[in-house]
């Protein structure tokens, strides 16, 4: 019996053949910690009474969740990460550099065939380049800081085959919401989702990141896209480090296979208060919104901002709406500025937020009011997610969010496309 990508990656790291269901201790290629979880990992590491982390070149710290700092307490946590990173020689990304997951890929710190961990559940984003990546807790992270290793159970893999192309006005976010609507929040519990098919082959790297980013919303351990020439070209432009890409064998054992015809999909909207509460946009049209958020590790990349700008260009945000725009990184923001995308969106009425997580985690910068409806490009809409458990969050693509900002109510983006 052949092996899946994940089985091959883990087997290569442990130096022996393993299969789904086996338990093993794996060496880690990269560990990421951010300001919401990193301080706990540092405190736990100090309890080991060891002076140095196992390999500072394989660790990155990022300030992104509450940036710029909204209060004295968080400023202290930021300083803790700055000091520890300087002490240990850890690569550090300060306020305004961007969201951790965007930076890990953008800066070439995770490559095909890697095992990459992060103290954030959306670490599964890195599967877009063919890495096995997933989130861990701060205590586990402290152990990785100490040893460079983690124990795990080799996950089974579900193959998702997406054929044909997405039609005009339908985007990778709509596809992933459709998949989550089918699988539900626990339908892929501890599985790795492998995305394949002609639609995935044609999809941009940013679109693949969106798919893998939201794999956790179906309960998955991770998501992964088989690395192809597009992947290799993308990562080689960002890193000179050696890597070994892996592909699943033709006779690999998949626990299940889901087939999707992309050409039949329409824009989707996840209703409050669950990501798997997915409906076609037709069933959401007319729902009033007071706040629109375009950004996050799911949809804050250059192509996402372009997607929104193509609809808002020459139009105005509705007087009843606050449109918040948050690029996923400084690099994205600068390129969007060079191309005139930022200016166009701000002229339409958007408020630009410094690169980072922005309103998504609910720590500051755009907490919605009581009873307000928000439509967002984020990956979660749980009650209280954006800082107010008496508000309602809808999830959609940047295009649907942009169209909704124009109308002041949820709208179908297709009518705004030339």
Protein backbone atom coordinates (compact mmCIF):
# COMPACT_ATOMS: atom_id res chain seq x y z
CA UNK A 1 0.00 0.00 0.00
CA UNK A 2 1.29 3.43 -0.94
CA UNK A 3 1.60 6.43 1.35
CA UNK A 4 -0.03 9.83 1.60
CA UNK A 5 1.95 13.06 1.57
CA UNK A 6 1.70 13.34 5.34
CA UNK A 7 2.80 9.74 5.93
CA UNK A 8 5.82 10.37 3.69
CA UNK A 9 6.74 13.64 5.42
CA UNK A 10 6.59 12.09 8.88
CA UNK A 11 8.40 8.91 7.79
CA UNK A 12 11.21 11.01 6.35
CA UNK A 13 11.54 12.98 9.56
CA UNK A 14 11.58 10.04 11.98
CA UNK A 15 13.81 7.87 9.78
CA UNK A 16 11.47 4.90 9.59
CA UNK A 17 8.27 3.95 7.81
CA UNK A 18 5.12 5.03 9.63
CA UNK A 19 1.45 4.95 8.68
CA UNK A 20 -1.76 6.61 9.80
CA UNK A 21 -2.56 5.71 13.40
CA UNK A 22 1.06 5.28 14.48
CA UNK A 23 2.45 7.37 17.35
CA UNK A 24 5.88 8.88 17.00
CA UNK A 25 8.18 11.70 18.08
CA UNK A 26 9.05 14.03 15.20
CA UNK A 27 11.79 16.64 14.77
CA UNK A 28 10.37 20.06 13.93
CA UNK A 29 11.54 22.31 11.09
CA UNK A 30 9.88 25.52 12.29
CA UNK A 31 8.02 26.78 15.35
CA UNK A 32 6.02 30.02 15.34
CA UNK A 33 4.68 31.84 18.42
CA UNK A 34 2.65 35.06 18.48
CA UNK A 35 1.77 37.63 21.11
CA UNK A 36 -1.45 35.95 22.25
CA UNK A 37 0.20 32.61 23.11
CA UNK A 38 3.96 33.18 23.08
CA UNK A 39 4.19 34.61 26.61
CA UNK A 40 2.76 31.39 28.08
CA UNK A 41 5.28 29.33 26.10
CA UNK A 42 8.14 31.49 27.39
CA UNK A 43 6.97 31.16 31.00
CA UNK A 44 6.72 27.38 30.65
CA UNK A 45 10.16 27.22 29.01
CA UNK A 46 11.68 29.13 31.94
CA UNK A 47 10.41 26.43 34.29
CA UNK A 48 12.73 23.92 32.60
CA UNK A 49 15.65 26.03 33.88
CA UNK A 50 17.43 25.77 30.55
CA UNK A 51 19.27 28.78 29.18
CA UNK A 52 18.93 28.27 25.42
CA UNK A 53 16.25 27.11 23.00
CA UNK A 54 17.13 24.09 20.88
CA UNK A 55 17.72 26.04 17.63
CA UNK A 56 16.85 29.76 17.35
CA UNK A 57 17.07 29.63 13.55
CA UNK A 58 13.99 27.38 13.56
CA UNK A 59 11.84 29.67 15.70
CA UNK A 60 9.94 32.84 14.83
CA UNK A 61 8.05 35.24 17.10
CA UNK A 62 5.39 37.55 15.67
CA UNK A 63 3.41 40.41 17.18
CA UNK A 64 0.10 40.44 15.31
CA UNK A 65 -2.95 39.76 17.50
CA UNK A 66 -3.12 42.98 19.51
CA UNK A 67 -1.02 45.44 17.56
CA UNK A 68 -0.35 48.26 18.06
CA UNK A 69 -0.73 47.55 21.76
CA UNK A 70 -4.11 48.72 23.12
CA UNK A 71 -3.11 48.82 26.80
CA UNK A 72 -0.31 48.59 29.35
CA UNK A 73 -0.78 44.87 30.06
CA UNK A 74 -0.39 43.88 26.42
CA UNK A 75 2.58 46.23 26.05
CA UNK A 76 4.24 44.20 28.80
CA UNK A 77 3.56 40.94 26.93
CA UNK A 78 4.99 42.43 23.75
CA UNK A 79 8.13 43.45 25.63
CA UNK A 80 8.45 39.92 27.02
CA UNK A 81 8.53 38.49 23.49
CA UNK A 82 10.94 41.16 22.26
CA UNK A 83 13.35 40.52 25.13
CA UNK A 84 13.23 36.73 24.83
CA UNK A 85 13.74 36.86 21.06
CA UNK A 86 16.75 39.16 21.46
CA UNK A 87 18.20 37.00 24.25
CA UNK A 88 17.84 33.79 22.23
CA UNK A 89 18.58 35.11 18.74
CA UNK A 90 15.08 34.22 17.53
CA UNK A 91 13.75 35.84 14.37
CA UNK A 92 11.30 38.52 15.47
CA UNK A 93 8.55 40.39 13.62
CA UNK A 94 7.39 43.50 15.42
CA UNK A 95 4.22 45.57 15.22
CA UNK A 96 3.03 46.23 11.68
CA UNK A 97 4.98 43.49 9.90
CA UNK A 98 1.85 41.41 9.44
CA UNK A 99 -0.03 38.27 10.41
CA UNK A 100 2.09 35.33 11.54
CA UNK A 101 0.81 32.86 8.93
CA UNK A 102 1.29 35.28 6.06
CA UNK A 103 4.83 36.06 7.21
CA UNK A 104 5.88 32.43 7.65
CA UNK A 105 5.10 31.75 3.99
CA UNK A 106 5.92 35.17 2.55
CA UNK A 107 9.39 35.12 4.13
CA UNK A 108 10.12 31.56 3.01
CA UNK A 109 10.33 30.11 6.51
CA UNK A 110 8.18 27.05 5.71
CA UNK A 111 8.89 24.92 2.64
CA UNK A 112 7.49 21.77 0.99
CA UNK A 113 8.07 18.65 3.07
CA UNK A 114 8.56 20.57 6.32
CA UNK A 115 6.90 19.87 9.65
CA UNK A 116 5.91 23.29 10.94
CA UNK A 117 4.12 24.10 14.19
CA UNK A 118 2.60 27.24 15.62
CA UNK A 119 0.79 28.32 18.74
CA UNK A 120 -2.26 29.17 16.66
CA UNK A 121 -4.95 26.88 15.26
CA UNK A 122 -4.64 28.32 11.75
CA UNK A 123 -1.03 27.19 11.42
CA UNK A 124 -2.51 24.65 9.00
CA UNK A 125 -2.25 27.47 6.40
CA UNK A 126 1.31 26.34 5.57
CA UNK A 127 -0.05 23.20 3.93
CA UNK A 128 -0.52 25.40 0.86
CA UNK A 129 3.18 24.88 0.06
CA UNK A 130 3.09 21.14 0.74
CA UNK A 131 4.18 21.24 4.38
CA UNK A 132 2.57 19.31 7.23
CA UNK A 133 1.63 22.07 9.65
CA UNK A 134 -0.75 22.41 12.56
CA UNK A 135 -1.40 24.35 15.73
CA UNK A 136 -0.25 23.37 19.21
CA UNK A 137 -0.73 24.75 22.70
CA UNK A 138 1.73 26.94 24.56
CA UNK A 139 2.84 24.10 26.85
CA UNK A 140 3.67 21.86 23.90
CA UNK A 141 5.47 24.82 22.33
CA UNK A 142 7.66 25.18 25.41
CA UNK A 143 8.69 21.55 24.96
CA UNK A 144 9.52 22.19 21.32
CA UNK A 145 11.58 25.24 22.31
CA UNK A 146 13.50 22.93 24.63
CA UNK A 147 13.90 19.81 22.46
CA UNK A 148 12.93 20.64 18.88
CA UNK A 149 10.60 17.64 18.92
CA UNK A 150 6.92 16.81 19.39
CA UNK A 151 5.01 13.57 19.79
CA UNK A 152 1.99 13.01 17.58
CA UNK A 153 -0.37 10.50 16.05
CA UNK A 154 0.00 10.18 12.29
CA UNK A 155 -3.33 11.39 10.86
CA UNK A 156 -5.41 9.72 8.21
CA UNK A 157 -6.00 11.75 5.05
CA UNK A 158 -9.22 12.70 3.27
CA UNK A 159 -8.80 13.59 -0.39
CA UNK A 160 -10.90 16.46 -1.73
CA UNK A 161 -10.98 16.44 -5.53
CA UNK A 162 -12.16 19.73 -7.03
CA UNK A 163 -12.63 19.66 -10.79
CA UNK A 164 -13.49 22.37 -13.36
CA UNK A 165 -13.13 26.08 -12.73
CA UNK A 166 -14.77 28.55 -10.39
CA UNK A 167 -17.19 30.81 -12.24
CA UNK A 168 -17.05 34.61 -12.24
CA UNK A 169 -17.75 36.03 -8.80
CA UNK A 170 -16.96 32.74 -7.03
CA UNK A 171 -13.64 32.45 -5.20
CA UNK A 172 -11.57 29.98 -3.13
CA UNK A 173 -13.28 31.31 0.04
CA UNK A 174 -16.65 30.29 -1.40
CA UNK A 175 -15.26 26.86 -2.25
CA UNK A 176 -13.93 26.32 1.26
CA UNK A 177 -17.16 27.48 2.88
CA UNK A 178 -18.96 24.99 0.63
CA UNK A 179 -16.63 22.19 1.77
CA UNK A 180 -17.09 23.08 5.45
CA UNK A 181 -20.84 23.20 4.92
CA UNK A 182 -20.67 19.60 3.69
CA UNK A 183 -18.22 18.22 6.26
CA UNK A 184 -19.49 20.29 9.22
CA UNK A 185 -17.27 21.39 12.09
CA UNK A 186 -16.25 17.86 13.11
CA UNK A 187 -16.50 15.99 9.82
CA UNK A 188 -12.75 15.85 9.35
CA UNK A 189 -11.78 15.38 12.99
CA UNK A 190 -8.01 14.78 13.21
CA UNK A 191 -7.78 14.14 9.46
CA UNK A 192 -5.52 15.89 6.99
CA UNK A 193 -7.43 17.33 4.02
CA UNK A 194 -5.53 16.89 0.75
CA UNK A 195 -6.83 19.27 -1.93
CA UNK A 196 -6.41 18.06 -5.53
CA UNK A 197 -8.04 18.35 -8.94
CA UNK A 198 -7.93 20.69 -11.92
CA UNK A 199 -9.47 23.57 -9.97
CA UNK A 200 -6.67 23.37 -7.40
CA UNK A 201 -4.05 23.07 -10.15
CA UNK A 202 -5.27 26.35 -11.63
CA UNK A 203 -5.66 28.09 -8.27
CA UNK A 204 -3.24 30.78 -7.11
CA UNK A 205 -0.97 30.22 -4.12
CA UNK A 206 -3.10 32.71 -2.20
CA UNK A 207 -6.23 30.72 -2.96
CA UNK A 208 -4.56 27.53 -1.77
CA UNK A 209 -3.63 29.31 1.46
CA UNK A 210 -7.29 30.19 1.98
CA UNK A 211 -8.30 26.52 1.64
CA UNK A 212 -5.62 25.20 4.00
CA UNK A 213 -6.19 28.04 6.47
CA UNK A 214 -9.78 26.94 7.06
CA UNK A 215 -9.16 23.18 7.21
CA UNK A 216 -9.29 23.41 11.01
CA UNK A 217 -12.88 24.70 10.74
CA UNK A 218 -13.90 21.20 9.63
CA UNK A 219 -12.02 19.72 12.59
CA UNK A 220 -9.00 18.74 10.50
CA UNK A 221 -5.50 18.35 11.87
CA UNK A 222 -4.29 20.15 8.78
CA UNK A 223 -4.78 20.84 5.10
CA UNK A 224 -2.29 20.23 2.32
CA UNK A 225 -1.93 20.86 -1.39
CA UNK A 226 0.42 18.60 -3.37
CA UNK A 227 3.37 20.79 -4.39
CA UNK A 228 3.56 21.44 -8.13
CA UNK A 229 5.68 23.69 -10.36
CA UNK A 230 3.66 26.71 -9.22
CA UNK A 231 4.52 25.87 -5.61
CA UNK A 232 8.19 25.28 -6.33
CA UNK A 233 8.54 28.54 -8.26
CA UNK A 234 6.82 30.42 -5.44
CA UNK A 235 8.97 29.03 -2.61
CA UNK A 236 12.25 29.24 -4.55
CA UNK A 237 11.68 32.95 -5.00
CA UNK A 238 11.56 33.26 -1.20
CA UNK A 239 14.13 30.80 0.14
CA UNK A 240 17.38 29.10 -0.83
CA UNK A 241 17.01 26.42 1.84
CA UNK A 242 17.02 22.81 0.65
CA UNK A 243 13.68 21.03 0.74
CA UNK A 244 12.21 17.71 -0.38
CA UNK A 245 8.64 17.92 -1.72
CA UNK A 246 6.40 14.90 -1.24
CA UNK A 247 3.42 13.59 -3.21
CA UNK A 248 0.87 10.94 -2.32
CA UNK A 249 1.25 7.60 -4.07
CA UNK A 250 -1.43 6.55 -6.55
CA UNK A 251 -2.36 3.66 -4.25
CA UNK A 252 -2.24 5.66 -1.01
CA UNK A 253 -4.94 4.87 1.52
CA UNK A 254 -7.41 7.75 1.89
CA UNK A 255 -10.06 7.46 4.57
CA UNK A 256 -12.55 9.14 2.23
CA UNK A 257 -12.71 11.01 -1.08
CA UNK A 258 -14.96 14.03 -1.65
CA UNK A 259 -15.64 15.13 -5.24
CA UNK A 260 -16.72 18.70 -6.02
CA UNK A 261 -17.68 20.32 -9.32
CA UNK A 262 -16.42 23.88 -8.91
CA UNK A 263 -18.40 25.14 -11.90
CA UNK A 264 -21.68 24.55 -10.04
CA UNK A 265 -20.83 26.72 -7.03
CA UNK A 266 -22.16 30.18 -6.26
CA UNK A 267 -21.02 32.71 -3.63
CA UNK A 268 -21.47 31.42 -0.08
CA UNK A 269 -22.10 33.03 3.29
CA UNK A 270 -21.58 31.44 6.73
CA UNK A 271 -24.33 32.62 9.09
CA UNK A 272 -23.87 33.22 12.84
CA UNK A 273 -22.66 31.63 15.00
CA UNK A 274 -20.94 28.69 13.28
CA UNK A 275 -18.58 28.42 10.33
CA UNK A 276 -20.46 25.36 9.06
CA UNK A 277 -23.78 27.25 8.98
CA UNK A 278 -23.26 27.86 5.27
CA UNK A 279 -25.86 29.20 2.85
CA UNK A 280 -25.83 30.36 -0.78
CA UNK A 281 -25.65 34.14 -1.03
CA UNK A 282 -29.22 34.17 -2.39
CA UNK A 283 -30.45 33.25 1.09
CA UNK A 284 -28.50 36.10 2.71
CA UNK A 285 -29.31 38.96 0.34
CA UNK A 286 -30.81 41.94 2.14
CA UNK A 287 -29.54 41.20 5.66
CA UNK A 288 -28.38 44.62 6.97
CA UNK A 289 -24.73 45.04 8.02
CA UNK A 290 -23.15 47.82 10.04
CA UNK A 291 -19.52 46.72 9.73
CA UNK A 292 -17.55 45.08 6.93
CA UNK A 293 -14.06 43.68 7.50
CA UNK A 294 -11.68 42.75 4.69
CA UNK A 295 -8.40 41.19 5.81
CA UNK A 296 -7.14 38.33 8.06
CA UNK A 297 -4.86 35.35 7.46
CA UNK A 298 -7.68 33.90 5.35
CA UNK A 299 -8.25 36.75 2.91
CA UNK A 300 -5.88 39.67 3.48
CA UNK A 301 -3.50 39.00 0.59
CA UNK A 302 -2.90 41.16 -2.47
CA UNK A 303 -5.31 39.21 -4.67
CA UNK A 304 -8.02 39.58 -2.01
CA UNK A 305 -7.59 43.35 -1.88
CA UNK A 306 -7.69 43.43 -5.69
CA UNK A 307 -10.89 41.38 -5.59
CA UNK A 308 -12.54 43.90 -3.27
CA UNK A 309 -11.20 46.91 -5.17
CA UNK A 310 -12.55 45.61 -8.48
CA UNK A 311 -16.04 45.97 -7.01
CA UNK A 312 -15.57 49.17 -4.98
CA UNK A 313 -13.65 51.08 -7.67
CA UNK A 314 -15.56 54.25 -8.50
CA UNK A 315 -18.23 53.45 -5.92
CA UNK A 316 -18.83 54.49 -2.31
CA UNK A 317 -19.28 52.62 0.94
CA UNK A 318 -22.83 52.97 2.23
CA UNK A 319 -23.29 55.69 4.85
CA UNK A 320 -24.58 53.07 7.30
CA UNK A 321 -21.43 50.93 7.03
CA UNK A 322 -17.92 51.00 8.51
CA UNK A 323 -15.54 49.27 6.09
CA UNK A 324 -12.30 48.18 7.78
CA UNK A 325 -9.37 47.18 5.57
CA UNK A 326 -6.41 45.28 7.04
CA UNK A 327 -3.64 43.94 4.73
CA UNK A 328 -2.12 40.64 5.84
CA UNK A 329 1.42 42.04 5.83
CA UNK A 330 3.50 45.14 5.25
CA UNK A 331 4.65 43.63 1.95
CA UNK A 332 1.03 43.21 0.84
CA UNK A 333 0.17 46.75 1.93
CA UNK A 334 3.13 48.29 0.09
CA UNK A 335 2.42 46.43 -3.13
CA UNK A 336 -1.28 47.29 -2.91
CA UNK A 337 -0.29 50.92 -2.40
CA UNK A 338 2.04 50.86 -5.42
CA UNK A 339 -0.75 49.46 -7.58
CA UNK A 340 -3.22 52.10 -6.40
CA UNK A 341 -5.45 49.54 -4.70
CA UNK A 342 -5.19 51.10 -1.24
CA UNK A 343 -5.95 54.59 -2.54
CA UNK A 344 -8.96 53.32 -4.48
CA UNK A 345 -10.39 51.52 -1.44
CA UNK A 346 -9.78 54.46 0.89
CA UNK A 347 -11.40 56.80 -1.62
CA UNK A 348 -14.41 54.49 -1.61
CA UNK A 349 -14.65 54.92 2.16
CA UNK A 350 -12.50 52.18 3.68
CA UNK A 351 -10.55 52.75 6.91
CA UNK A 352 -7.01 51.34 6.67
CA UNK A 353 -5.76 49.36 9.68
CA UNK A 354 -2.05 48.48 10.23
CA UNK A 355 -1.09 45.00 8.97
CA UNK A 356 -1.97 42.34 11.53
CA UNK A 357 -4.98 40.42 12.78
CA UNK A 358 -7.01 43.59 13.21
CA UNK A 359 -10.59 43.10 14.51
CA UNK A 360 -10.64 39.32 13.94
CA UNK A 361 -9.65 38.12 17.46
CA UNK A 362 -11.63 40.88 19.18
CA UNK A 363 -8.82 42.41 21.20
CA UNK A 364 -9.22 45.92 19.76
CA UNK A 365 -9.55 47.84 16.47
CA UNK A 366 -13.13 47.35 15.37
CA UNK A 367 -15.08 45.62 18.13
CA UNK A 368 -18.70 45.67 16.89
CA UNK A 369 -21.55 47.14 18.90
CA UNK A 370 -24.40 45.30 20.59
CA UNK A 371 -26.84 43.86 18.08
CA UNK A 372 -24.71 44.83 15.10
CA UNK A 373 -24.18 42.61 12.07
CA UNK A 374 -20.69 42.21 10.64
CA UNK A 375 -19.73 40.56 7.37
CA UNK A 376 -16.08 39.54 7.35
CA UNK A 377 -13.50 37.70 5.27
CA UNK A 378 -12.25 35.96 8.44
CA UNK A 379 -12.31 32.26 9.22
CA UNK A 380 -14.46 32.22 12.37
CA UNK A 381 -17.79 33.69 13.41
CA UNK A 382 -18.30 32.18 16.86
CA UNK A 383 -20.28 34.24 19.33
CA UNK A 384 -17.96 36.88 20.79
CA UNK A 385 -15.22 36.21 18.23
CA UNK A 386 -14.72 39.89 17.41
CA UNK A 387 -15.00 41.00 21.02
CA UNK A 388 -18.77 41.31 21.54
CA UNK A 389 -20.93 38.25 22.17
CA UNK A 390 -24.03 40.30 21.39
CA UNK A 391 -23.06 40.95 17.78
CA UNK A 392 -23.50 38.70 14.74
CA UNK A 393 -20.74 37.73 12.32
CA UNK A 394 -21.25 36.52 8.76
CA UNK A 395 -18.34 35.12 6.73
CA UNK A 396 -17.85 35.56 2.99
CA UNK A 397 -15.35 36.31 0.24
CA UNK A 398 -13.75 39.74 -0.19
CA UNK A 399 -15.99 40.30 -3.22
CA UNK A 400 -19.18 39.57 -1.29
CA UNK A 401 -17.97 41.77 1.56
CA UNK A 402 -17.19 44.63 -0.84
CA UNK A 403 -20.61 44.39 -2.49
CA UNK A 404 -22.24 44.36 0.94
CA UNK A 405 -20.31 47.48 1.95
CA UNK A 406 -21.80 49.32 -1.02
CA UNK A 407 -25.38 48.34 -0.27
CA UNK A 408 -25.36 48.32 3.53
CA UNK A 409 -26.76 44.83 3.40
CA UNK A 410 -25.46 41.45 2.26
CA UNK A 411 -25.26 41.47 -1.53
CA UNK A 412 -24.34 39.22 -4.44
CA UNK A 413 -20.98 40.44 -5.83
CA UNK A 414 -21.65 39.14 -9.33
CA UNK A 415 -23.86 42.07 -10.25
CA UNK A 416 -20.92 44.45 -9.68
CA UNK A 417 -18.51 42.62 -11.97
CA UNK A 418 -18.06 43.95 -15.49
